[in-house]
Structures are given as structure tokens and as C-alpha cells.
C-alpha atoms as a PDB file:
ATOM      1  CA  MET A   1       0.000   0.000   0.000  1.00  0.00           C
ATOM      2  CA  ASP A   2       2.827   2.364   0.685  1.00  0.00           C
ATOM      3  CA  ALA A   3       3.971   1.746  -2.846  1.00  0.00           C
ATOM      4  CA  MET A   4       0.553   2.814  -4.103  1.00  0.00           C
ATOM      5  CA  LYS A   5       0.670   5.985  -2.035  1.00  0.00           C
ATOM      6  CA  GLY A   6       4.175   6.724  -3.352  1.00  0.00           C
ATOM      7  CA  GLN A   7       3.052   6.202  -6.918  1.00  0.00           C
ATOM      8  CA  GLY A   8      -0.041   8.296  -6.340  1.00  0.00           C
ATOM      9  CA  GLY A   9       2.084  11.062  -4.841  1.00  0.00           C
ATOM     10  CA  ILE A  10       4.436  11.017  -7.816  1.00  0.00           C
ATOM     11  CA  GLN A  11       1.475  11.102 -10.189  1.00  0.00           C
ATOM     12  CA  MET A  12       0.042  14.067  -8.302  1.00  0.00           C
ATOM     13  CA  LEU A  13       3.395  15.853  -8.502  1.00  0.00           C
ATOM     14  CA  LEU A  14       3.607  15.204 -12.258  1.00  0.00           C
ATOM     15  CA  THR A  15       0.066  16.465 -12.728  1.00  0.00           C
ATOM     16  CA  ALA A  16       0.793  19.581 -10.641  1.00  0.00           C
ATOM     17  CA  GLU A  17       3.976  20.194 -12.642  1.00  0.00           C
ATOM     18  CA  GLN A  18       2.074  19.938 -15.920  1.00  0.00           C
ATOM     19  CA  GLU A  19      -0.579  22.319 -14.631  1.00  0.00           C
ATOM     20  CA  ALA A  20       2.139  24.734 -13.515  1.00  0.00           C
ATOM     21  CA  GLN A  21       3.764  24.553 -16.965  1.00  0.00           C
ATOM     22  CA  GLN A  22       0.414  25.264 -18.588  1.00  0.00           C
ATOM     23  CA  ILE A  23      -0.128  28.250 -16.296  1.00  0.00           C
ATOM     24  CA  VAL A  24       3.373  29.574 -17.014  1.00  0.00           C
ATOM     25  CA  SER A  25       2.892  29.007 -20.743  1.00  0.00           C
ATOM     26  CA  ALA A  26      -0.462  30.785 -20.706  1.00  0.00           C
ATOM     27  CA  ALA A  27       1.104  33.684 -18.779  1.00  0.00           C
ATOM     28  CA  LYS A  28       3.955  33.924 -21.322  1.00  0.00           C
ATOM     29  CA  ASN A  29       1.489  33.926 -24.194  1.00  0.00           C
ATOM     30  CA  LEU A  30      -0.598  36.595 -22.490  1.00  0.00           C
ATOM     31  CA  LYS A  31       2.530  38.664 -21.841  1.00  0.00           C
ATOM     32  CA  THR A  32       3.640  38.330 -25.479  1.00  0.00           C
ATOM     33  CA  THR A  33       0.192  39.306 -26.702  1.00  0.00           C
ATOM     34  CA  ARG A  34       0.068  42.321 -24.401  1.00  0.00           C
ATOM     35  CA  LEU A  35       3.562  43.438 -25.433  1.00  0.00           C
ATOM     36  CA  ARG A  36       2.559  43.202 -29.094  1.00  0.00           C
ATOM     37  CA  GLN A  37      -0.570  45.262 -28.421  1.00  0.00           C
ATOM     38  CA  ALA A  38       1.424  47.835 -26.467  1.00  0.00           C
ATOM     39  CA  ARG A  39       3.971  48.106 -29.305  1.00  0.00           C
ATOM     40  CA  GLU A  40       1.186  48.574 -31.877  1.00  0.00           C
ATOM     41  CA  GLU A  41      -0.498  51.240 -29.736  1.00  0.00           C
ATOM     42  CA  ALA A  42       2.809  53.047 -29.262  1.00  0.00           C
ATOM     43  CA  GLU A  43       3.491  52.962 -33.004  1.00  0.00           C
ATOM     44  CA  LYS A  44       0.027  54.396 -33.705  1.00  0.00           C
ATOM     45  CA  GLU A  45       0.536  57.171 -31.163  1.00  0.00           C
ATOM     46  CA  ALA A  46       3.987  57.933 -32.581  1.00  0.00           C
ATOM     47  CA  ALA A  47       2.552  58.071 -36.111  1.00  0.00           C
ATOM     48  CA  LEU A  48      -0.203  60.449 -34.991  1.00  0.00           C
ATOM     49  CA  PHE A  49       2.298  62.627 -33.164  1.00  0.00           C
ATOM     50  CA  ARG A  50       4.632  62.613 -36.163  1.00  0.00           C
ATOM     51  CA  THR A  51       1.752  63.597 -38.470  1.00  0.00           C
ATOM     52  CA  LYS A  52       0.695  66.390 -36.124  1.00  0.00           C
ATOM     53  CA  MET A  53       4.229  67.748 -35.809  1.00  0.00           C
ATOM     54  CA  GLU A  54       4.765  67.547 -39.580  1.00  0.00           C
ATOM     55  CA  SER A  55       1.557  69.486 -40.257  1.00  0.00           C
ATOM     56  CA  GLU A  56       2.539  72.143 -37.721  1.00  0.00           C
ATOM     57  CA  TYR A  57       5.981  72.368 -39.309  1.00  0.00           C
ATOM     58  CA  GLN A  58       4.505  72.735 -42.793  1.00  0.00           C
ATOM     59  CA  LYS A  59       2.102  75.399 -41.496  1.00  0.00           C
ATOM     60  CA  LYS A  60       4.913  77.403 -39.908  1.00  0.00           C
ATOM     61  CA  LEU A  61       7.043  76.921 -42.998  1.00  0.00           C
ATOM     62  CA  SER A  62       4.309  78.304 -45.229  1.00  0.00           C
ATOM     63  CA  GLU A  63       3.762  81.232 -42.854  1.00  0.00           C
ATOM     64  CA  THR A  64       7.443  82.124 -42.764  1.00  0.00           C
ATOM     65  CA  SER A  65       7.941  81.645 -46.485  1.00  0.00           C
ATOM     66  CA  GLY A  66       5.195  84.189 -47.099  1.00  0.00           C
ATOM     67  CA  ASN A  67       7.036  86.581 -44.820  1.00  0.00           C
ATOM     68  CA  SER A  68      10.254  85.732 -46.589  1.00  0.00           C
ATOM     69  CA  ASP A  69       8.810  86.700 -49.975  1.00  0.00           C
ATOM     70  CA  SER A  70       7.620  90.051 -48.661  1.00  0.00           C
ATOM     71  CA  THR A  71      10.972  90.611 -46.950  1.00  0.00           C
ATOM     72  CA  VAL A  72      12.816  89.860 -50.182  1.00  0.00           C
ATOM     73  CA  LYS A  73      10.623  92.306 -52.083  1.00  0.00           C
ATOM     74  CA  GLN A  74      11.168  94.973 -49.454  1.00  0.00           C
ATOM     75  CA  LEU A  75      14.940  94.430 -49.589  1.00  0.00           C
ATOM     76  CA  GLU A  76      14.888  94.673 -53.389  1.00  0.00           C
ATOM     77  CA  VAL A  77      13.049  98.000 -53.215  1.00  0.00           C
ATOM     78  CA  GLU A  78      15.480  99.344 -50.611  1.00  0.00           C
ATOM     79  CA  THR A  79      18.459  98.156 -52.640  1.00  0.00           C
ATOM     80  CA  ASP A  80      17.123  99.789 -55.802  1.00  0.00           C
ATOM     81  CA  MET A  81      16.641 103.058 -53.913  1.00  0.00           C
ATOM     82  CA  LYS A  82      20.184 102.952 -52.539  1.00  0.00           C
ATOM     83  CA  ILE A  83      21.618 102.206 -55.982  1.00  0.00           C
ATOM     84  CA  LYS A  84      19.643 105.114 -57.468  1.00  0.00           C
ATOM     85  CA  ASN A  85      20.881 107.461 -54.730  1.00  0.00           C
ATOM     86  CA  MET A  86      24.487 106.332 -55.257  1.00  0.00           C
ATOM     87  CA  LYS A  87      24.241 106.871 -59.011  1.00  0.00           C
ATOM     88  CA  GLU A  88      22.852 110.364 -58.479  1.00  0.00           C
ATOM     89  CA  ALA A  89      25.585 111.185 -55.985  1.00  0.00           C
ATOM     90  CA  THR A  90      28.271 109.833 -58.312  1.00  0.00           C
ATOM     91  CA  SER A  91      26.954 111.709 -61.296  1.00  0.00           C
ATOM     92  CA  LYS A  92      27.042 114.957 -59.290  1.00  0.00           C
ATOM     93  CA  THR A  93      30.528 114.409 -57.922  1.00  0.00           C
ATOM     94  CA  SER A  94      31.989 112.945 -61.106  1.00  0.00           C
ATOM     95  CA  ARG A  95      31.734 116.328 -62.835  1.00  0.00           C
ATOM     96  CA  GLU A  96      33.596 117.989 -59.974  1.00  0.00           C
ATOM     97  CA  VAL A  97      36.239 115.257 -59.930  1.00  0.00           C
ATOM     98  CA  ALA A  98      36.736 115.580 -63.695  1.00  0.00           C
ATOM     99  CA  LYS A  99      37.121 119.367 -63.403  1.00  0.00           C
ATOM    100  CA  GLN A 100      39.681 119.021 -60.595  1.00  0.00           C
ATOM    101  CA  MET A 101      41.658 116.413 -62.546  1.00  0.00           C
ATOM    102  CA  VAL A 102      41.779 118.626 -65.625  1.00  0.00           C
ATOM    103  CA  LYS A 103      42.821 121.539 -63.411  1.00  0.00           C
ATOM    104  CA  TYR A 104      45.676 119.570 -61.798  1.00  0.00           C
ATOM    105  CA  ILE A 105      46.816 118.119 -65.135  1.00  0.00           C
ATOM    106  CA  LEU A 106      46.988 121.576 -66.702  1.00  0.00           C
ATOM    107  CA  LYS A 107      48.999 122.899 -63.733  1.00  0.00           C
ATOM    108  CA  VAL A 108      51.784 120.402 -64.295  1.00  0.00           C
END
């Protein structure tokens, strides 16, 4: 009879071990599934965030490029005015410079 109890005890241990392996296996599968879901959710959130940031960037880029065009036009107008003023100043002084050069050349 003791042999039967020993065999029954071993059988119970084997059964408990198998049940424990099934529980551990189920827990691993659940963990793997949850990790996969978490990764997918994180990727979706990252994609949404990336899309949002990209749209904000494009919006700011379009706003600043509009300002850039107006700034370029303003700079062109200012440059043209400065060139015109320089030409006028040079044309006025060039006559004086030419007269002085002729005067100095004739003195020598």
C-alpha cells in the first residue's frame, strides 16, 4: 500500500507540474500578446504625433515663407533706392572730380 501511495504522490506531482507549466505558458502567451498590443499602440501614437508635428511644421514653414517673400521684395526696393541714390551722388561728384583732374593736369 505504501507503494501505491508513493506512486499516487508522484502522479500528483507530475500532474501539478504539468498544470504549472500550462499556467506559465499561458502567462507567457498573455505577456507576449500584451507586449505586441502595447507596441502597436505606441506605433500608432507615434505616427499620430509625427503627423501632427509635420503638419505644424509645414504650417509654420508656409507662414514664414510668405514673410520671406515680402521681406525679399522689401529688400529689393530698398536696394534699388540705394543704388539710385548712389548713381545720383556719383553723377554729381563725377563732374567735380573731372574738373579738378583737368585743373591739376593743366597745372603740371
